[in-house]
Amino acid sequence: MLDLEALTYIRGRSIPRQFIICDEAQNLSPHMIKTLVTRVGEGTKLVLTGDPEQIDNPYLDASSNGLTYLVERLKNEAIAGHVHLNDGVRSEVAEMGSRLL
């Protein structure tokens, strides 16, 4: 079963034995990332995806967003991992836009 939830309504919950995917995590603040991570219950796996070069939140940038914050904070933790992909898959135009705009 697939369940979609807005992060707005996640406070006060514990989410055990689930597989959580948070897409576009680069648009979350460090506070919202903490809200999500601290709701993970026993047996739950959490995967966050995003590209810090494609932020469209006017209050965040490549260094202040929640995804970058989380990667930096957890990089020495044994139960966390990080995969960095070097190439985009949309188009040459999209890559140029991410790089220059």
N, C-alpha and C. Protein backbone atom coordinates (compact mmCIF):
# COMPACT_ATOMS: atom_id res chain seq x y z
N MET A 1 0.84 -1.17 0.00
CA MET A 1 0.00 0.00 0.00
C MET A 1 0.90 1.25 0.00
N LEU A 2 0.53 2.22 -0.78
CA LEU A 2 1.26 3.47 -0.89
C LEU A 2 0.44 4.56 -0.21
N ASP A 3 1.10 5.32 0.65
CA ASP A 3 0.42 6.39 1.38
C ASP A 3 1.21 7.67 1.20
N LEU A 4 0.58 8.71 0.67
CA LEU A 4 1.23 10.01 0.48
C LEU A 4 0.78 10.94 1.60
N GLU A 5 1.78 11.61 2.20
CA GLU A 5 1.46 12.50 3.31
C GLU A 5 2.21 13.80 3.16
N ALA A 6 1.58 14.89 3.53
CA ALA A 6 2.25 16.18 3.58
C ALA A 6 3.03 16.28 4.88
N LEU A 7 4.21 16.85 4.82
CA LEU A 7 5.02 16.98 6.02
C LEU A 7 4.36 17.87 7.06
N THR A 8 3.45 18.70 6.64
CA THR A 8 2.73 19.58 7.55
C THR A 8 2.03 18.81 8.66
N TYR A 9 1.57 17.59 8.35
CA TYR A 9 0.78 16.82 9.30
C TYR A 9 1.55 15.69 9.98
N ILE A 10 2.87 15.73 9.93
CA ILE A 10 3.66 14.63 10.46
C ILE A 10 4.03 14.82 11.94
N ARG A 11 3.91 16.00 12.44
CA ARG A 11 4.28 16.26 13.84
C ARG A 11 3.47 15.40 14.79
N GLY A 12 4.14 14.94 15.85
CA GLY A 12 3.47 14.15 16.88
C GLY A 12 3.34 12.68 16.56
N ARG A 13 3.85 12.24 15.43
CA ARG A 13 3.72 10.84 15.02
C ARG A 13 5.02 10.09 15.21
N SER A 14 4.90 8.79 15.32
CA SER A 14 6.03 7.88 15.23
C SER A 14 5.68 6.92 14.11
N ILE A 15 6.60 6.67 13.19
CA ILE A 15 6.30 5.86 12.02
C ILE A 15 7.17 4.61 12.03
N PRO A 16 6.67 3.50 12.62
CA PRO A 16 7.45 2.27 12.69
C PRO A 16 7.23 1.37 11.47
N ARG A 17 8.24 0.56 11.17
CA ARG A 17 8.18 -0.50 10.16
C ARG A 17 7.64 -0.02 8.80
N GLN A 18 8.19 1.07 8.31
CA GLN A 18 7.77 1.62 7.02
C GLN A 18 9.01 1.93 6.17
N PHE A 19 8.80 2.17 4.90
CA PHE A 19 9.83 2.63 3.99
C PHE A 19 9.39 4.00 3.52
N ILE A 20 10.09 5.04 3.96
CA ILE A 20 9.70 6.42 3.66
C ILE A 20 10.62 6.97 2.58
N ILE A 21 10.02 7.56 1.55
CA ILE A 21 10.78 8.25 0.51
C ILE A 21 10.35 9.71 0.54
N CYS A 22 11.31 10.58 0.72
CA CYS A 22 11.06 12.02 0.67
C CYS A 22 11.76 12.55 -0.57
N ASP A 23 10.99 12.88 -1.59
CA ASP A 23 11.54 13.38 -2.84
C ASP A 23 11.62 14.91 -2.79
N GLU A 24 12.54 15.48 -3.54
CA GLU A 24 12.75 16.93 -3.62
C GLU A 24 13.13 17.51 -2.26
N ALA A 25 13.93 16.77 -1.49
CA ALA A 25 14.32 17.17 -0.13
C ALA A 25 15.18 18.42 -0.12
N GLN A 26 15.73 18.81 -1.25
CA GLN A 26 16.53 20.03 -1.31
C GLN A 26 15.69 21.28 -1.05
N ASN A 27 14.38 21.17 -1.16
CA ASN A 27 13.50 22.30 -0.92
C ASN A 27 13.01 22.39 0.52
N LEU A 28 13.50 21.50 1.38
CA LEU A 28 13.13 21.53 2.79
C LEU A 28 14.18 22.28 3.60
N SER A 29 13.73 22.92 4.65
CA SER A 29 14.66 23.60 5.56
C SER A 29 15.29 22.57 6.49
N PRO A 30 16.40 22.91 7.13
CA PRO A 30 16.96 22.00 8.13
C PRO A 30 15.94 21.64 9.22
N HIS A 31 15.09 22.58 9.58
CA HIS A 31 14.06 22.31 10.60
C HIS A 31 13.08 21.24 10.12
N MET A 32 12.64 21.32 8.87
CA MET A 32 11.71 20.31 8.34
C MET A 32 12.37 18.94 8.20
N ILE A 33 13.66 18.92 7.84
CA ILE A 33 14.38 17.64 7.77
C ILE A 33 14.43 17.01 9.15
N LYS A 34 14.71 17.82 10.17
CA LYS A 34 14.74 17.29 11.55
C LYS A 34 13.36 16.75 11.94
N THR A 35 12.31 17.47 11.57
CA THR A 35 10.95 17.01 11.86
C THR A 35 10.71 15.63 11.26
N LEU A 36 11.13 15.41 10.03
CA LEU A 36 10.94 14.12 9.38
C LEU A 36 11.80 13.03 10.01
N VAL A 37 13.08 13.28 10.17
CA VAL A 37 14.00 12.26 10.68
C VAL A 37 13.61 11.83 12.10
N THR A 38 13.17 12.74 12.92
CA THR A 38 12.83 12.40 14.30
C THR A 38 11.48 11.70 14.44
N ARG A 39 10.78 11.48 13.34
CA ARG A 39 9.53 10.70 13.38
C ARG A 39 9.75 9.25 12.98
N VAL A 40 10.96 8.90 12.55
CA VAL A 40 11.27 7.54 12.11
C VAL A 40 11.21 6.60 13.31
N GLY A 41 10.37 5.58 13.20
CA GLY A 41 10.22 4.60 14.28
C GLY A 41 11.08 3.37 14.04
N GLU A 42 11.01 2.44 14.96
CA GLU A 42 11.78 1.19 14.89
C GLU A 42 11.47 0.44 13.60
N GLY A 43 12.52 0.02 12.91
CA GLY A 43 12.37 -0.77 11.69
C GLY A 43 12.07 0.03 10.44
N THR A 44 12.02 1.34 10.53
CA THR A 44 11.72 2.19 9.36
C THR A 44 13.01 2.57 8.65
N LYS A 45 12.94 2.60 7.33
CA LYS A 45 14.03 3.08 6.49
C LYS A 45 13.59 4.40 5.88
N LEU A 46 14.51 5.35 5.82
CA LEU A 46 14.22 6.68 5.28
C LEU A 46 15.18 6.98 4.15
N VAL A 47 14.63 7.33 2.99
CA VAL A 47 15.43 7.70 1.83
C VAL A 47 15.00 9.11 1.41
N LEU A 48 15.99 9.99 1.27
CA LEU A 48 15.73 11.35 0.81
C LEU A 48 16.42 11.53 -0.53
N THR A 49 15.74 12.14 -1.48
CA THR A 49 16.34 12.41 -2.78
C THR A 49 16.25 13.90 -3.05
N GLY A 50 17.18 14.39 -3.85
CA GLY A 50 17.13 15.79 -4.22
C GLY A 50 18.41 16.24 -4.87
N ASP A 51 18.37 17.43 -5.41
CA ASP A 51 19.51 18.03 -6.08
C ASP A 51 19.66 19.47 -5.59
N PRO A 52 20.69 19.74 -4.78
CA PRO A 52 20.87 21.10 -4.25
C PRO A 52 21.05 22.17 -5.32
N GLU A 53 21.29 21.79 -6.55
CA GLU A 53 21.39 22.77 -7.63
C GLU A 53 20.03 23.09 -8.26
N GLN A 54 18.97 22.43 -7.80
CA GLN A 54 17.64 22.67 -8.36
C GLN A 54 16.66 23.20 -7.31
N ILE A 55 17.15 23.95 -6.38
CA ILE A 55 16.29 24.50 -5.32
C ILE A 55 15.40 25.59 -5.90
N ASP A 56 14.11 25.52 -5.58
CA ASP A 56 13.20 26.59 -6.00
C ASP A 56 12.51 27.25 -4.80
N ASN A 57 13.07 27.04 -3.63
CA ASN A 57 12.60 27.71 -2.41
C ASN A 57 13.40 29.01 -2.27
N PRO A 58 12.74 30.16 -2.27
CA PRO A 58 13.48 31.43 -2.26
C PRO A 58 14.26 31.69 -0.97
N TYR A 59 14.02 30.91 0.07
CA TYR A 59 14.69 31.12 1.35
C TYR A 59 15.87 30.17 1.57
N LEU A 60 16.14 29.28 0.60
CA LEU A 60 17.21 28.31 0.74
C LEU A 60 18.17 28.41 -0.42
N ASP A 61 19.39 27.94 -0.20
CA ASP A 61 20.35 27.84 -1.30
C ASP A 61 21.09 26.51 -1.18
N ALA A 62 22.09 26.30 -2.03
CA ALA A 62 22.77 25.01 -2.09
C ALA A 62 23.45 24.63 -0.78
N SER A 63 23.77 25.60 0.05
CA SER A 63 24.44 25.27 1.31
C SER A 63 23.54 25.34 2.53
N SER A 64 22.39 26.00 2.44
CA SER A 64 21.52 26.16 3.61
C SER A 64 20.29 25.25 3.61
N ASN A 65 20.12 24.44 2.59
CA ASN A 65 18.93 23.59 2.51
C ASN A 65 19.04 22.38 3.44
N GLY A 66 17.92 21.75 3.71
CA GLY A 66 17.87 20.63 4.64
C GLY A 66 18.60 19.40 4.18
N LEU A 67 18.60 19.12 2.89
CA LEU A 67 19.29 17.93 2.38
C LEU A 67 20.80 18.04 2.59
N THR A 68 21.38 19.17 2.23
CA THR A 68 22.81 19.39 2.44
C THR A 68 23.14 19.37 3.93
N TYR A 69 22.29 19.98 4.73
CA TYR A 69 22.45 19.99 6.19
C TYR A 69 22.50 18.56 6.73
N LEU A 70 21.56 17.73 6.31
CA LEU A 70 21.49 16.34 6.78
C LEU A 70 22.72 15.53 6.36
N VAL A 71 23.11 15.65 5.11
CA VAL A 71 24.29 14.92 4.61
C VAL A 71 25.52 15.29 5.43
N GLU A 72 25.71 16.55 5.69
CA GLU A 72 26.87 17.00 6.47
C GLU A 72 26.82 16.48 7.90
N ARG A 73 25.67 16.53 8.51
CA ARG A 73 25.52 16.09 9.91
C ARG A 73 25.69 14.58 10.07
N LEU A 74 25.24 13.79 9.09
CA LEU A 74 25.24 12.33 9.23
C LEU A 74 26.40 11.63 8.54
N LYS A 75 27.32 12.37 7.93
CA LYS A 75 28.35 11.74 7.11
C LYS A 75 29.27 10.80 7.88
N ASN A 76 29.40 10.92 9.17
CA ASN A 76 30.26 10.03 9.96
C ASN A 76 29.47 9.01 10.79
N GLU A 77 28.18 8.90 10.54
CA GLU A 77 27.34 7.96 11.29
C GLU A 77 27.29 6.61 10.58
N ALA A 78 27.44 5.55 11.34
CA ALA A 78 27.50 4.20 10.77
C ALA A 78 26.18 3.75 10.13
N ILE A 79 25.05 4.26 10.61
CA ILE A 79 23.76 3.79 10.09
C ILE A 79 23.22 4.67 8.96
N ALA A 80 24.02 5.61 8.48
CA ALA A 80 23.58 6.51 7.42
C ALA A 80 24.50 6.37 6.21
N GLY A 81 23.95 6.64 5.03
CA GLY A 81 24.74 6.60 3.81
C GLY A 81 24.33 7.73 2.88
N HIS A 82 25.21 8.02 1.94
CA HIS A 82 24.96 9.10 0.99
C HIS A 82 25.51 8.69 -0.37
N VAL A 83 24.71 8.88 -1.41
CA VAL A 83 25.13 8.60 -2.77
C VAL A 83 25.04 9.91 -3.55
N HIS A 84 26.13 10.28 -4.20
CA HIS A 84 26.15 11.49 -5.03
C HIS A 84 26.23 11.07 -6.49
N LEU A 85 25.26 11.50 -7.27
CA LEU A 85 25.26 11.20 -8.71
C LEU A 85 25.79 12.42 -9.45
N ASN A 86 26.72 12.20 -10.36
CA ASN A 86 27.38 13.31 -11.05
C ASN A 86 26.64 13.83 -12.26
N ASP A 87 25.86 13.01 -12.93
CA ASP A 87 25.23 13.41 -14.17
C ASP A 87 23.72 13.54 -14.03
N GLY A 88 23.16 14.52 -14.69
CA GLY A 88 21.72 14.68 -14.75
C GLY A 88 21.15 13.80 -15.85
N VAL A 89 19.84 13.64 -15.84
CA VAL A 89 19.21 12.77 -16.83
C VAL A 89 18.14 13.48 -17.67
N ARG A 90 17.88 14.74 -17.41
CA ARG A 90 16.83 15.42 -18.16
C ARG A 90 17.29 15.81 -19.55
N SER A 91 18.20 16.77 -19.61
CA SER A 91 18.67 17.25 -20.91
C SER A 91 19.88 18.15 -20.69
N GLU A 92 20.53 18.47 -21.79
CA GLU A 92 21.65 19.41 -21.72
C GLU A 92 21.18 20.79 -21.28
N VAL A 93 20.00 21.18 -21.71
CA VAL A 93 19.43 22.47 -21.33
C VAL A 93 19.16 22.52 -19.81
N ALA A 94 18.59 21.45 -19.27
CA ALA A 94 18.31 21.40 -17.83
C ALA A 94 19.60 21.45 -17.03
N GLU A 95 20.63 20.75 -17.49
CA GLU A 95 21.93 20.80 -16.81
C GLU A 95 22.51 22.20 -16.84
N MET A 96 22.41 22.87 -17.99
CA MET A 96 22.90 24.24 -18.12
C MET A 96 22.15 25.16 -17.17
N GLY A 97 20.83 25.01 -17.10
CA GLY A 97 20.02 25.83 -16.20
C GLY A 97 20.40 25.63 -14.74
N SER A 98 20.63 24.38 -14.33
CA SER A 98 21.03 24.10 -12.95
C SER A 98 22.38 24.74 -12.64
N ARG A 99 23.25 24.70 -13.58
CA ARG A 99 24.61 25.20 -13.37
C ARG A 99 24.68 26.73 -13.39
N LEU A 100 23.93 27.37 -14.27
CA LEU A 100 24.08 28.81 -14.48
C LEU A 100 23.04 29.69 -13.83
N LEU A 101 21.89 29.17 -13.51
CA LEU A 101 20.80 30.03 -12.98
C LEU A 101 20.67 29.93 -11.47
